[in-house]
Amino acid sequence: MTLDEALEEDNVVSRDEAKAECEKHSLDFADLVDELGDHSEYNSRDVMHWLGY
């Protein structure tokens, strides 16, 4: 998924994909879960905003 696609409102990523993005950015996935909740899928836009994009 491109950055532009990830920032679109209707796209989702799996828990594993969100965790991998956190690891790529040297961030703790548990912190994302604390803020966005514990889900099997996440809105990609929410994850990208959480990462600082």
PDB file of N, CA and C in Angstrom:
ATOM      1  N   MET A   1       0.850  -1.166   0.000  1.00  0.00           N
ATOM      2  CA  MET A   1       0.000   0.000   0.000  1.00  0.00           C
ATOM      3  C   MET A   1       0.902   1.236   0.000  1.00  0.00           C
ATOM      4  N   THR A   2       0.563   2.191  -0.836  1.00  0.00           N
ATOM      5  CA  THR A   2       1.332   3.438  -0.883  1.00  0.00           C
ATOM      6  C   THR A   2       0.912   4.350   0.272  1.00  0.00           C
ATOM      7  N   LEU A   3       1.712   5.380   0.519  1.00  0.00           N
ATOM      8  CA  LEU A   3       1.376   6.348   1.561  1.00  0.00           C
ATOM      9  C   LEU A   3       0.033   7.008   1.262  1.00  0.00           C
ATOM     10  N   ASP A   4      -0.178   7.396   0.012  1.00  0.00           N
ATOM     11  CA  ASP A   4      -1.451   8.024  -0.359  1.00  0.00           C
ATOM     12  C   ASP A   4      -2.628   7.087  -0.101  1.00  0.00           C
ATOM     13  N   GLU A   5      -2.465   5.817  -0.439  1.00  0.00           N
ATOM     14  CA  GLU A   5      -3.532   4.841  -0.197  1.00  0.00           C
ATOM     15  C   GLU A   5      -3.770   4.667   1.303  1.00  0.00           C
ATOM     16  N   ALA A   6      -2.688   4.636   2.068  1.00  0.00           N
ATOM     17  CA  ALA A   6      -2.807   4.456   3.517  1.00  0.00           C
ATOM     18  C   ALA A   6      -3.530   5.624   4.171  1.00  0.00           C
ATOM     19  N   LEU A   7      -3.423   6.798   3.575  1.00  0.00           N
ATOM     20  CA  LEU A   7      -4.059   7.980   4.147  1.00  0.00           C
ATOM     21  C   LEU A   7      -5.510   8.154   3.702  1.00  0.00           C
ATOM     22  N   GLU A   8      -5.979   7.276   2.800  1.00  0.00           N
ATOM     23  CA  GLU A   8      -7.384   7.318   2.403  1.00  0.00           C
ATOM     24  C   GLU A   8      -8.245   6.811   3.559  1.00  0.00           C
ATOM     25  N   GLU A   9      -9.422   7.369   3.684  1.00  0.00           N
ATOM     26  CA  GLU A   9     -10.263   7.120   4.852  1.00  0.00           C
ATOM     27  C   GLU A   9     -10.789   5.693   4.958  1.00  0.00           C
ATOM     28  N   ASP A  10     -11.027   5.024   3.847  1.00  0.00           N
ATOM     29  CA  ASP A  10     -11.726   3.738   3.880  1.00  0.00           C
ATOM     30  C   ASP A  10     -10.829   2.505   3.896  1.00  0.00           C
ATOM     31  N   ASN A  11      -9.517   2.660   3.888  1.00  0.00           N
ATOM     32  CA  ASN A  11      -8.624   1.504   3.863  1.00  0.00           C
ATOM     33  C   ASN A  11      -8.353   0.996   5.271  1.00  0.00           C
ATOM     34  N   VAL A  12      -8.213  -0.309   5.377  1.00  0.00           N
ATOM     35  CA  VAL A  12      -7.908  -0.928   6.668  1.00  0.00           C
ATOM     36  C   VAL A  12      -6.639  -1.758   6.543  1.00  0.00           C
ATOM     37  N   VAL A  13      -5.984  -1.945   7.685  1.00  0.00           N
ATOM     38  CA  VAL A  13      -4.814  -2.822   7.763  1.00  0.00           C
ATOM     39  C   VAL A  13      -5.050  -3.805   8.903  1.00  0.00           C
ATOM     40  N   SER A  14      -4.427  -4.951   8.790  1.00  0.00           N
ATOM     41  CA  SER A  14      -4.559  -5.954   9.842  1.00  0.00           C
ATOM     42  C   SER A  14      -3.741  -5.545  11.064  1.00  0.00           C
ATOM     43  N   ARG A  15      -4.006  -6.204  12.156  1.00  0.00           N
ATOM     44  CA  ARG A  15      -3.238  -5.992  13.386  1.00  0.00           C
ATOM     45  C   ARG A  15      -1.751  -6.229  13.117  1.00  0.00           C
ATOM     46  N   ASP A  16      -1.430  -7.299  12.394  1.00  0.00           N
ATOM     47  CA  ASP A  16      -0.029  -7.614  12.091  1.00  0.00           C
ATOM     48  C   ASP A  16       0.618  -6.526  11.240  1.00  0.00           C
ATOM     49  N   GLU A  17      -0.124  -5.982  10.280  1.00  0.00           N
ATOM     50  CA  GLU A  17       0.414  -4.900   9.446  1.00  0.00           C
ATOM     51  C   GLU A  17       0.654  -3.639  10.272  1.00  0.00           C
ATOM     52  N   ALA A  18      -0.269  -3.319  11.163  1.00  0.00           N
ATOM     53  CA  ALA A  18      -0.099  -2.148  12.029  1.00  0.00           C
ATOM     54  C   ALA A  18       1.106  -2.339  12.944  1.00  0.00           C
ATOM     55  N   LYS A  19       1.258  -3.541  13.468  1.00  0.00           N
ATOM     56  CA  LYS A  19       2.401  -3.844  14.342  1.00  0.00           C
ATOM     57  C   LYS A  19       3.712  -3.714  13.574  1.00  0.00           C
ATOM     58  N   ALA A  20       3.741  -4.203  12.337  1.00  0.00           N
ATOM     59  CA  ALA A  20       4.948  -4.109  11.512  1.00  0.00           C
ATOM     60  C   ALA A  20       5.308  -2.655  11.228  1.00  0.00           C
ATOM     61  N   GLU A  21       4.312  -1.814  10.983  1.00  0.00           N
ATOM     62  CA  GLU A  21       4.583  -0.389  10.750  1.00  0.00           C
ATOM     63  C   GLU A  21       5.164   0.261  12.001  1.00  0.00           C
ATOM     64  N   CYS A  22       4.640  -0.096  13.158  1.00  0.00           N
ATOM     65  CA  CYS A  22       5.202   0.429  14.412  1.00  0.00           C
ATOM     66  C   CYS A  22       6.665   0.026  14.536  1.00  0.00           C
ATOM     67  N   GLU A  23       6.959  -1.237  14.253  1.00  0.00           N
ATOM     68  CA  GLU A  23       8.335  -1.728  14.351  1.00  0.00           C
ATOM     69  C   GLU A  23       9.249  -1.014  13.364  1.00  0.00           C
ATOM     70  N   LYS A  24       8.773  -0.743  12.151  1.00  0.00           N
ATOM     71  CA  LYS A  24       9.568  -0.009  11.158  1.00  0.00           C
ATOM     72  C   LYS A  24       9.931   1.376  11.655  1.00  0.00           C
ATOM     73  N   HIS A  25       9.064   1.955  12.479  1.00  0.00           N
ATOM     74  CA  HIS A  25       9.279   3.305  13.003  1.00  0.00           C
ATOM     75  C   HIS A  25       9.883   3.284  14.412  1.00  0.00           C
ATOM     76  N   SER A  26      10.316   2.107  14.849  1.00  0.00           N
ATOM     77  CA  SER A  26      10.906   1.922  16.191  1.00  0.00           C
ATOM     78  C   SER A  26       9.965   2.394  17.302  1.00  0.00           C
ATOM     79  N   LEU A  27       8.678   2.120  17.126  1.00  0.00           N
ATOM     80  CA  LEU A  27       7.669   2.488  18.112  1.00  0.00           C
ATOM     81  C   LEU A  27       7.040   1.227  18.693  1.00  0.00           C
ATOM     82  N   ASP A  28       6.533   1.337  19.886  1.00  0.00           N
ATOM     83  CA  ASP A  28       5.946   0.212  20.597  1.00  0.00           C
ATOM     84  C   ASP A  28       4.482   0.035  20.189  1.00  0.00           C
ATOM     85  N   PHE A  29       4.166  -1.128  19.659  1.00  0.00           N
ATOM     86  CA  PHE A  29       2.798  -1.418  19.238  1.00  0.00           C
ATOM     87  C   PHE A  29       1.816  -1.290  20.401  1.00  0.00           C
ATOM     88  N   ALA A  30       2.255  -1.602  21.610  1.00  0.00           N
ATOM     89  CA  ALA A  30       1.381  -1.485  22.786  1.00  0.00           C
ATOM     90  C   ALA A  30       0.899  -0.051  22.976  1.00  0.00           C
ATOM     91  N   ASP A  31       1.727   0.922  22.611  1.00  0.00           N
ATOM     92  CA  ASP A  31       1.316   2.325  22.712  1.00  0.00           C
ATOM     93  C   ASP A  31       0.199   2.637  21.716  1.00  0.00           C
ATOM     94  N   LEU A  32       0.305   2.075  20.514  1.00  0.00           N
ATOM     95  CA  LEU A  32      -0.760   2.254  19.525  1.00  0.00           C
ATOM     96  C   LEU A  32      -2.057   1.645  20.046  1.00  0.00           C
ATOM     97  N   VAL A  33      -1.964   0.446  20.603  1.00  0.00           N
ATOM     98  CA  VAL A  33      -3.150  -0.229  21.138  1.00  0.00           C
ATOM     99  C   VAL A  33      -3.759   0.584  22.274  1.00  0.00           C
ATOM    100  N   ASP A  34      -2.921   1.171  23.120  1.00  0.00           N
ATOM    101  CA  ASP A  34      -3.431   2.008  24.217  1.00  0.00           C
ATOM    102  C   ASP A  34      -4.270   3.164  23.688  1.00  0.00           C
ATOM    103  N   GLU A  35      -3.851   3.737  22.578  1.00  0.00           N
ATOM    104  CA  GLU A  35      -4.547   4.914  22.039  1.00  0.00           C
ATOM    105  C   GLU A  35      -5.695   4.573  21.091  1.00  0.00           C
ATOM    106  N   LEU A  36      -5.501   3.550  20.253  1.00  0.00           N
ATOM    107  CA  LEU A  36      -6.509   3.237  19.232  1.00  0.00           C
ATOM    108  C   LEU A  36      -7.391   2.046  19.592  1.00  0.00           C
ATOM    109  N   GLY A  37      -7.019   1.309  20.631  1.00  0.00           N
ATOM    110  CA  GLY A  37      -7.781   0.132  21.027  1.00  0.00           C
ATOM    111  C   GLY A  37      -7.172  -1.143  20.467  1.00  0.00           C
ATOM    112  N   ASP A  38      -7.619  -2.265  21.010  1.00  0.00           N
ATOM    113  CA  ASP A  38      -7.117  -3.577  20.608  1.00  0.00           C
ATOM    114  C   ASP A  38      -8.087  -4.176  19.593  1.00  0.00           C
ATOM    115  N   HIS A  39      -7.702  -4.159  18.320  1.00  0.00           N
ATOM    116  CA  HIS A  39      -8.579  -4.605  17.237  1.00  0.00           C
ATOM    117  C   HIS A  39      -7.847  -5.584  16.320  1.00  0.00           C
ATOM    118  N   SER A  40      -8.595  -6.357  15.562  1.00  0.00           N
ATOM    119  CA  SER A  40      -7.994  -7.243  14.559  1.00  0.00           C
ATOM    120  C   SER A  40      -7.648  -6.468  13.290  1.00  0.00           C
ATOM    121  N   GLU A  41      -8.329  -5.331  13.075  1.00  0.00           N
ATOM    122  CA  GLU A  41      -8.057  -4.442  11.939  1.00  0.00           C
ATOM    123  C   GLU A  41      -8.103  -3.000  12.420  1.00  0.00           C
ATOM    124  N   TYR A  42      -7.337  -2.170  11.728  1.00  0.00           N
ATOM    125  CA  TYR A  42      -7.286  -0.744  12.048  1.00  0.00           C
ATOM    126  C   TYR A  42      -7.496   0.054  10.773  1.00  0.00           C
ATOM    127  N   ASN A  43      -8.113   1.211  10.905  1.00  0.00           N
ATOM    128  CA  ASN A  43      -8.205   2.139   9.792  1.00  0.00           C
ATOM    129  C   ASN A  43      -6.779   2.596   9.495  1.00  0.00           C
ATOM    130  N   SER A  44      -6.337   2.432   8.264  1.00  0.00           N
ATOM    131  CA  SER A  44      -4.947   2.762   7.931  1.00  0.00           C
ATOM    132  C   SER A  44      -4.648   4.237   8.163  1.00  0.00           C
ATOM    133  N   ARG A  45      -5.638   5.080   7.928  1.00  0.00           N
ATOM    134  CA  ARG A  45      -5.449   6.521   8.145  1.00  0.00           C
ATOM    135  C   ARG A  45      -5.183   6.817   9.624  1.00  0.00           C
ATOM    136  N   ASP A  46      -5.908   6.143  10.519  1.00  0.00           N
ATOM    137  CA  ASP A  46      -5.685   6.324  11.960  1.00  0.00           C
ATOM    138  C   ASP A  46      -4.275   5.899  12.350  1.00  0.00           C
ATOM    139  N   VAL A  47      -3.831   4.778  11.796  1.00  0.00           N
ATOM    140  CA  VAL A  47      -2.476   4.292  12.094  1.00  0.00           C
ATOM    141  C   VAL A  47      -1.441   5.284  11.581  1.00  0.00           C
ATOM    142  N   MET A  48      -1.617   5.760  10.362  1.00  0.00           N
ATOM    143  CA  MET A  48      -0.644   6.697   9.795  1.00  0.00           C
ATOM    144  C   MET A  48      -0.605   7.996  10.587  1.00  0.00           C
ATOM    145  N   HIS A  49      -1.751   8.491  10.996  1.00  0.00           N
ATOM    146  CA  HIS A  49      -1.781   9.706  11.824  1.00  0.00           C
ATOM    147  C   HIS A  49      -1.103   9.448  13.160  1.00  0.00           C
ATOM    148  N   TRP A  50      -1.331   8.280  13.740  1.00  0.00           N
ATOM    149  CA  TRP A  50      -0.680   7.931  15.004  1.00  0.00           C
ATOM    150  C   TRP A  50       0.841   7.892  14.829  1.00  0.00           C
ATOM    151  N   LEU A  51       1.281   7.447  13.663  1.00  0.00           N
ATOM    152  CA  LEU A  51       2.721   7.390  13.375  1.00  0.00           C
ATOM    153  C   LEU A  51       3.313   8.768  13.074  1.00  0.00           C
ATOM    154  N   GLY A  52       2.460   9.752  12.876  1.00  0.00           N
ATOM    155  CA  GLY A  52       2.947  11.109  12.652  1.00  0.00           C
ATOM    156  C   GLY A  52       2.859  11.604  11.220  1.00  0.00           C
ATOM    157  N   TYR A  53       2.152  10.867  10.365  1.00  0.00           N
ATOM    158  CA  TYR A  53       2.008  11.290   8.967  1.00  0.00           C
ATOM    159  C   TYR A  53       0.819  12.199   8.791  1.00  0.00           C
TER     160      TYR A  53
END
